Amino acid sequence: MLFAASVSAEEDICSSEYERGRREMGAYAEMMGIIEGAIYGHSLTIASPKICLVGTPKEKVQKIANAFGSQSHAEPPLELDDVPSKEQAQKFLERFFPCK
C-alpha cells in the first residue's frame, strides 16, 4: 500500500511539471509571436532602400518568423525588446532582408 502511495505522488509531481512545462512553452511561443508581429507592423512603415521584404502579409510574417528563429546564430546578436522599437525592427529587417 505504501508503494502505491509513493508512485501516485511521483505521478502527481511529473504531471504538474509537465503542465508547468507546457505553460512555459506556450508563454514563450506567445512572446515570439508578439515580437514577430511587432517587427511586421514596423515593416509597414519603414521605407528603406536597404530592406527587401516582399510577399503577402502572411508570407512576410512567416519569413520574419524564420529569420527570427535563425537570429540566435547571428553575429553579433541583435538585442530586441519584448515589443521591438521601430529602430530595433529596422536593424533586424536590414540584417535579414537586405536588398541585393
N, C-alpha and C. Protein backbone atom coordinates (compact mmCIF):
# COMPACT_ATOMS: atom_id res chain seq x y z
N MET A 1 0.81 -1.18 0.00
CA MET A 1 0.00 0.00 0.00
C MET A 1 0.86 1.26 0.00
N LEU A 2 1.93 1.23 0.78
CA LEU A 2 2.84 2.37 0.84
C LEU A 2 3.49 2.61 -0.51
N PHE A 3 3.83 1.54 -1.22
CA PHE A 3 4.43 1.65 -2.54
C PHE A 3 3.49 2.36 -3.52
N ALA A 4 2.21 2.00 -3.48
CA ALA A 4 1.23 2.61 -4.36
C ALA A 4 1.09 4.10 -4.08
N ALA A 5 1.16 4.50 -2.82
CA ALA A 5 1.04 5.91 -2.47
C ALA A 5 2.23 6.71 -2.97
N SER A 6 3.46 6.15 -2.88
CA SER A 6 4.63 6.88 -3.36
C SER A 6 4.64 6.99 -4.87
N VAL A 7 4.16 5.96 -5.56
CA VAL A 7 4.08 6.02 -7.03
C VAL A 7 3.08 7.09 -7.44
N SER A 8 1.96 7.15 -6.74
CA SER A 8 0.95 8.16 -7.05
C SER A 8 1.50 9.57 -6.84
N ALA A 9 2.27 9.76 -5.78
CA ALA A 9 2.86 11.08 -5.52
C ALA A 9 3.84 11.46 -6.62
N GLU A 10 4.62 10.49 -7.09
CA GLU A 10 5.57 10.77 -8.17
C GLU A 10 4.84 11.13 -9.45
N GLU A 11 3.72 10.45 -9.72
CA GLU A 11 2.93 10.76 -10.91
C GLU A 11 2.38 12.18 -10.84
N ASP A 12 1.94 12.60 -9.65
CA ASP A 12 1.43 13.96 -9.47
C ASP A 12 2.53 14.98 -9.75
N ILE A 13 3.75 14.72 -9.26
CA ILE A 13 4.87 15.63 -9.50
C ILE A 13 5.18 15.70 -10.98
N CYS A 14 5.23 14.55 -11.64
CA CYS A 14 5.53 14.54 -13.07
C CYS A 14 4.45 15.26 -13.86
N SER A 15 3.20 15.03 -13.47
CA SER A 15 2.08 15.67 -14.15
C SER A 15 2.15 17.19 -13.99
N SER A 16 2.43 17.66 -12.76
CA SER A 16 2.49 19.10 -12.55
C SER A 16 3.69 19.71 -13.26
N GLU A 17 4.81 19.01 -13.30
CA GLU A 17 5.99 19.51 -14.03
C GLU A 17 5.69 19.56 -15.53
N TYR A 18 4.99 18.56 -16.04
CA TYR A 18 4.62 18.53 -17.45
C TYR A 18 3.73 19.73 -17.77
N GLU A 19 2.73 19.97 -16.93
CA GLU A 19 1.83 21.10 -17.16
C GLU A 19 2.57 22.43 -17.06
N ARG A 20 3.48 22.55 -16.11
CA ARG A 20 4.28 23.78 -15.98
C ARG A 20 5.11 23.98 -17.24
N GLY A 21 5.70 22.91 -17.74
CA GLY A 21 6.48 23.00 -18.97
C GLY A 21 5.64 23.41 -20.15
N ARG A 22 4.44 22.87 -20.25
CA ARG A 22 3.53 23.25 -21.35
C ARG A 22 3.18 24.72 -21.28
N ARG A 23 2.87 25.21 -20.07
CA ARG A 23 2.53 26.63 -19.91
C ARG A 23 3.72 27.51 -20.25
N GLU A 24 4.91 27.08 -19.83
CA GLU A 24 6.11 27.85 -20.11
C GLU A 24 6.37 27.93 -21.61
N MET A 25 6.23 26.81 -22.30
CA MET A 25 6.44 26.80 -23.76
C MET A 25 5.37 27.65 -24.46
N GLY A 26 4.15 27.60 -23.96
CA GLY A 26 3.08 28.42 -24.53
C GLY A 26 3.37 29.90 -24.36
N ALA A 27 3.86 30.28 -23.19
CA ALA A 27 4.20 31.68 -22.95
C ALA A 27 5.35 32.12 -23.85
N TYR A 28 6.33 31.25 -24.03
CA TYR A 28 7.47 31.57 -24.90
C TYR A 28 6.99 31.75 -26.35
N ALA A 29 6.14 30.85 -26.81
CA ALA A 29 5.62 30.95 -28.18
C ALA A 29 4.80 32.24 -28.35
N GLU A 30 4.03 32.60 -27.34
CA GLU A 30 3.25 33.83 -27.40
C GLU A 30 4.17 35.04 -27.48
N MET A 31 5.24 35.04 -26.69
CA MET A 31 6.19 36.15 -26.72
C MET A 31 6.85 36.26 -28.10
N MET A 32 7.23 35.11 -28.68
CA MET A 32 7.83 35.13 -30.01
C MET A 32 6.85 35.69 -31.03
N GLY A 33 5.60 35.31 -30.92
CA GLY A 33 4.59 35.82 -31.83
C GLY A 33 4.41 37.33 -31.72
N ILE A 34 4.48 37.85 -30.50
CA ILE A 34 4.36 39.30 -30.29
C ILE A 34 5.54 40.01 -30.92
N ILE A 35 6.75 39.49 -30.73
CA ILE A 35 7.94 40.12 -31.30
C ILE A 35 7.87 40.09 -32.82
N GLU A 36 7.53 38.92 -33.39
CA GLU A 36 7.45 38.81 -34.84
C GLU A 36 6.37 39.72 -35.40
N GLY A 37 5.23 39.80 -34.71
CA GLY A 37 4.14 40.69 -35.16
C GLY A 37 4.53 42.15 -35.08
N ALA A 38 5.28 42.53 -34.04
CA ALA A 38 5.73 43.92 -33.91
C ALA A 38 6.70 44.27 -35.02
N ILE A 39 7.61 43.34 -35.34
CA ILE A 39 8.56 43.60 -36.44
C ILE A 39 7.78 43.75 -37.74
N TYR A 40 6.81 42.88 -37.99
CA TYR A 40 5.99 43.00 -39.20
C TYR A 40 5.27 44.33 -39.21
N GLY A 41 4.67 44.72 -38.09
CA GLY A 41 3.95 46.00 -38.03
C GLY A 41 4.86 47.17 -38.36
N HIS A 42 6.06 47.16 -37.82
CA HIS A 42 7.01 48.23 -38.14
C HIS A 42 7.43 48.18 -39.60
N SER A 43 7.49 46.98 -40.18
CA SER A 43 7.91 46.87 -41.58
C SER A 43 6.97 47.62 -42.51
N LEU A 44 5.73 47.82 -42.08
CA LEU A 44 4.75 48.52 -42.92
C LEU A 44 5.03 50.01 -43.01
N THR A 45 5.76 50.55 -42.02
CA THR A 45 6.02 51.99 -42.01
C THR A 45 7.47 52.34 -42.28
N ILE A 46 8.32 51.34 -42.44
CA ILE A 46 9.74 51.61 -42.72
C ILE A 46 9.92 51.61 -44.23
N ALA A 47 10.31 52.75 -44.75
CA ALA A 47 10.57 52.86 -46.19
C ALA A 47 12.08 53.03 -46.36
N SER A 48 12.76 51.91 -46.52
CA SER A 48 14.22 51.95 -46.64
C SER A 48 14.64 51.18 -47.89
N PRO A 49 15.52 51.77 -48.68
CA PRO A 49 16.01 51.05 -49.86
C PRO A 49 16.92 49.89 -49.48
N LYS A 50 17.27 49.77 -48.20
CA LYS A 50 18.13 48.69 -47.73
C LYS A 50 17.35 47.41 -47.42
N ILE A 51 16.02 47.51 -47.32
CA ILE A 51 15.19 46.38 -46.90
C ILE A 51 14.33 45.89 -48.05
N CYS A 52 14.42 44.60 -48.33
CA CYS A 52 13.59 43.97 -49.37
C CYS A 52 12.85 42.78 -48.76
N LEU A 53 11.69 43.04 -48.22
CA LEU A 53 10.82 42.01 -47.66
C LEU A 53 9.54 42.04 -48.48
N VAL A 54 9.36 41.02 -49.31
CA VAL A 54 8.22 41.01 -50.22
C VAL A 54 7.32 39.82 -49.95
N GLY A 55 6.10 39.90 -50.43
CA GLY A 55 5.13 38.82 -50.30
C GLY A 55 3.84 39.33 -49.69
N THR A 56 2.93 38.39 -49.51
CA THR A 56 1.67 38.71 -48.84
C THR A 56 1.96 38.93 -47.36
N PRO A 57 1.03 39.53 -46.63
CA PRO A 57 1.26 39.69 -45.19
C PRO A 57 1.60 38.37 -44.49
N LYS A 58 0.88 37.31 -44.82
CA LYS A 58 1.15 36.01 -44.20
C LYS A 58 2.56 35.53 -44.55
N GLU A 59 2.96 35.69 -45.80
CA GLU A 59 4.31 35.28 -46.22
C GLU A 59 5.38 36.11 -45.50
N LYS A 60 5.13 37.40 -45.35
CA LYS A 60 6.10 38.26 -44.67
C LYS A 60 6.27 37.84 -43.21
N VAL A 61 5.16 37.58 -42.53
CA VAL A 61 5.24 37.16 -41.13
C VAL A 61 5.98 35.82 -41.03
N GLN A 62 5.73 34.91 -41.97
CA GLN A 62 6.43 33.62 -41.96
C GLN A 62 7.92 33.82 -42.19
N LYS A 63 8.28 34.71 -43.10
CA LYS A 63 9.71 34.99 -43.35
C LYS A 63 10.37 35.59 -42.12
N ILE A 64 9.66 36.51 -41.45
CA ILE A 64 10.19 37.12 -40.24
C ILE A 64 10.36 36.06 -39.15
N ALA A 65 9.38 35.18 -39.02
CA ALA A 65 9.46 34.11 -38.02
C ALA A 65 10.66 33.20 -38.30
N ASN A 66 10.87 32.85 -39.55
CA ASN A 66 12.02 32.00 -39.91
C ASN A 66 13.33 32.72 -39.62
N ALA A 67 13.40 33.98 -39.98
CA ALA A 67 14.61 34.76 -39.70
C ALA A 67 14.83 34.90 -38.21
N PHE A 68 13.74 35.10 -37.47
CA PHE A 68 13.85 35.24 -36.03
C PHE A 68 14.38 33.96 -35.41
N GLY A 69 13.98 32.83 -35.96
CA GLY A 69 14.47 31.55 -35.48
C GLY A 69 15.96 31.37 -35.70
N SER A 70 16.48 31.96 -36.76
CA SER A 70 17.91 31.85 -37.06
C SER A 70 18.69 32.99 -36.41
N GLN A 71 17.99 33.95 -35.80
CA GLN A 71 18.62 35.12 -35.20
C GLN A 71 19.63 34.76 -34.13
N SER A 72 19.42 33.62 -33.44
CA SER A 72 20.32 33.23 -32.36
C SER A 72 21.71 32.91 -32.89
N HIS A 73 21.82 32.64 -34.18
CA HIS A 73 23.11 32.33 -34.78
C HIS A 73 23.76 33.56 -35.41
N ALA A 74 23.09 34.70 -35.31
CA ALA A 74 23.60 35.93 -35.93
C ALA A 74 24.78 36.48 -35.14
N GLU A 75 25.70 37.05 -35.85
CA GLU A 75 26.88 37.69 -35.22
C GLU A 75 26.93 39.13 -35.65
N PRO A 76 27.02 40.07 -34.79
CA PRO A 76 26.70 39.96 -33.37
C PRO A 76 25.19 39.82 -33.20
N PRO A 77 24.74 39.19 -32.12
CA PRO A 77 23.30 39.02 -31.93
C PRO A 77 22.60 40.36 -31.76
N LEU A 78 21.40 40.46 -32.29
CA LEU A 78 20.61 41.67 -32.14
C LEU A 78 19.86 41.62 -30.81
N GLU A 79 19.79 42.75 -30.15
CA GLU A 79 19.02 42.83 -28.92
C GLU A 79 17.65 43.42 -29.26
N LEU A 80 16.62 42.67 -28.89
CA LEU A 80 15.26 43.11 -29.14
C LEU A 80 14.48 43.13 -27.84
N ASP A 81 13.69 44.17 -27.65
CA ASP A 81 12.79 44.23 -26.50
C ASP A 81 11.64 43.26 -26.74
N ASP A 82 10.83 43.02 -25.69
CA ASP A 82 9.66 42.15 -25.85
C ASP A 82 8.74 42.67 -26.94
N VAL A 83 8.64 43.97 -27.04
CA VAL A 83 7.94 44.61 -28.16
C VAL A 83 8.97 45.52 -28.81
N PRO A 84 9.58 45.05 -29.92
CA PRO A 84 10.68 45.80 -30.53
C PRO A 84 10.29 47.21 -30.94
N SER A 85 11.23 48.13 -30.76
CA SER A 85 11.03 49.50 -31.22
C SER A 85 11.19 49.54 -32.74
N LYS A 86 10.82 50.65 -33.32
CA LYS A 86 10.95 50.79 -34.77
C LYS A 86 12.42 50.67 -35.18
N GLU A 87 13.31 51.25 -34.39
CA GLU A 87 14.74 51.18 -34.70
C GLU A 87 15.25 49.75 -34.62
N GLN A 88 14.83 49.00 -33.59
CA GLN A 88 15.23 47.60 -33.48
C GLN A 88 14.69 46.78 -34.65
N ALA A 89 13.45 47.02 -35.01
CA ALA A 89 12.85 46.31 -36.14
C ALA A 89 13.60 46.62 -37.43
N GLN A 90 13.98 47.88 -37.62
CA GLN A 90 14.70 48.25 -38.83
C GLN A 90 16.05 47.54 -38.90
N LYS A 91 16.77 47.49 -37.78
CA LYS A 91 18.05 46.77 -37.76
C LYS A 91 17.86 45.30 -38.09
N PHE A 92 16.82 44.70 -37.53
CA PHE A 92 16.51 43.29 -37.79
C PHE A 92 16.23 43.09 -39.29
N LEU A 93 15.36 43.93 -39.83
CA LEU A 93 14.98 43.79 -41.24
C LEU A 93 16.17 44.05 -42.17
N GLU A 94 17.01 45.01 -41.84
CA GLU A 94 18.18 45.29 -42.66
C GLU A 94 19.14 44.11 -42.65
N ARG A 95 19.28 43.45 -41.50
CA ARG A 95 20.20 42.32 -41.43
C ARG A 95 19.68 41.10 -42.17
N PHE A 96 18.40 40.79 -42.02
CA PHE A 96 17.87 39.55 -42.56
C PHE A 96 17.19 39.68 -43.93
N PHE A 97 16.86 40.90 -44.35
CA PHE A 97 16.21 41.10 -45.63
C PHE A 97 16.89 42.23 -46.42
N PRO A 98 18.20 42.11 -46.61
CA PRO A 98 18.90 43.19 -47.34
C PRO A 98 18.59 43.11 -48.84
N CYS A 99 18.55 44.25 -49.46
CA CYS A 99 18.40 44.29 -50.92
C CYS A 99 19.76 43.98 -51.53
N LYS A 100 19.72 43.19 -52.56
CA LYS A 100 20.99 42.79 -53.19
C LYS A 100 21.17 43.47 -54.52
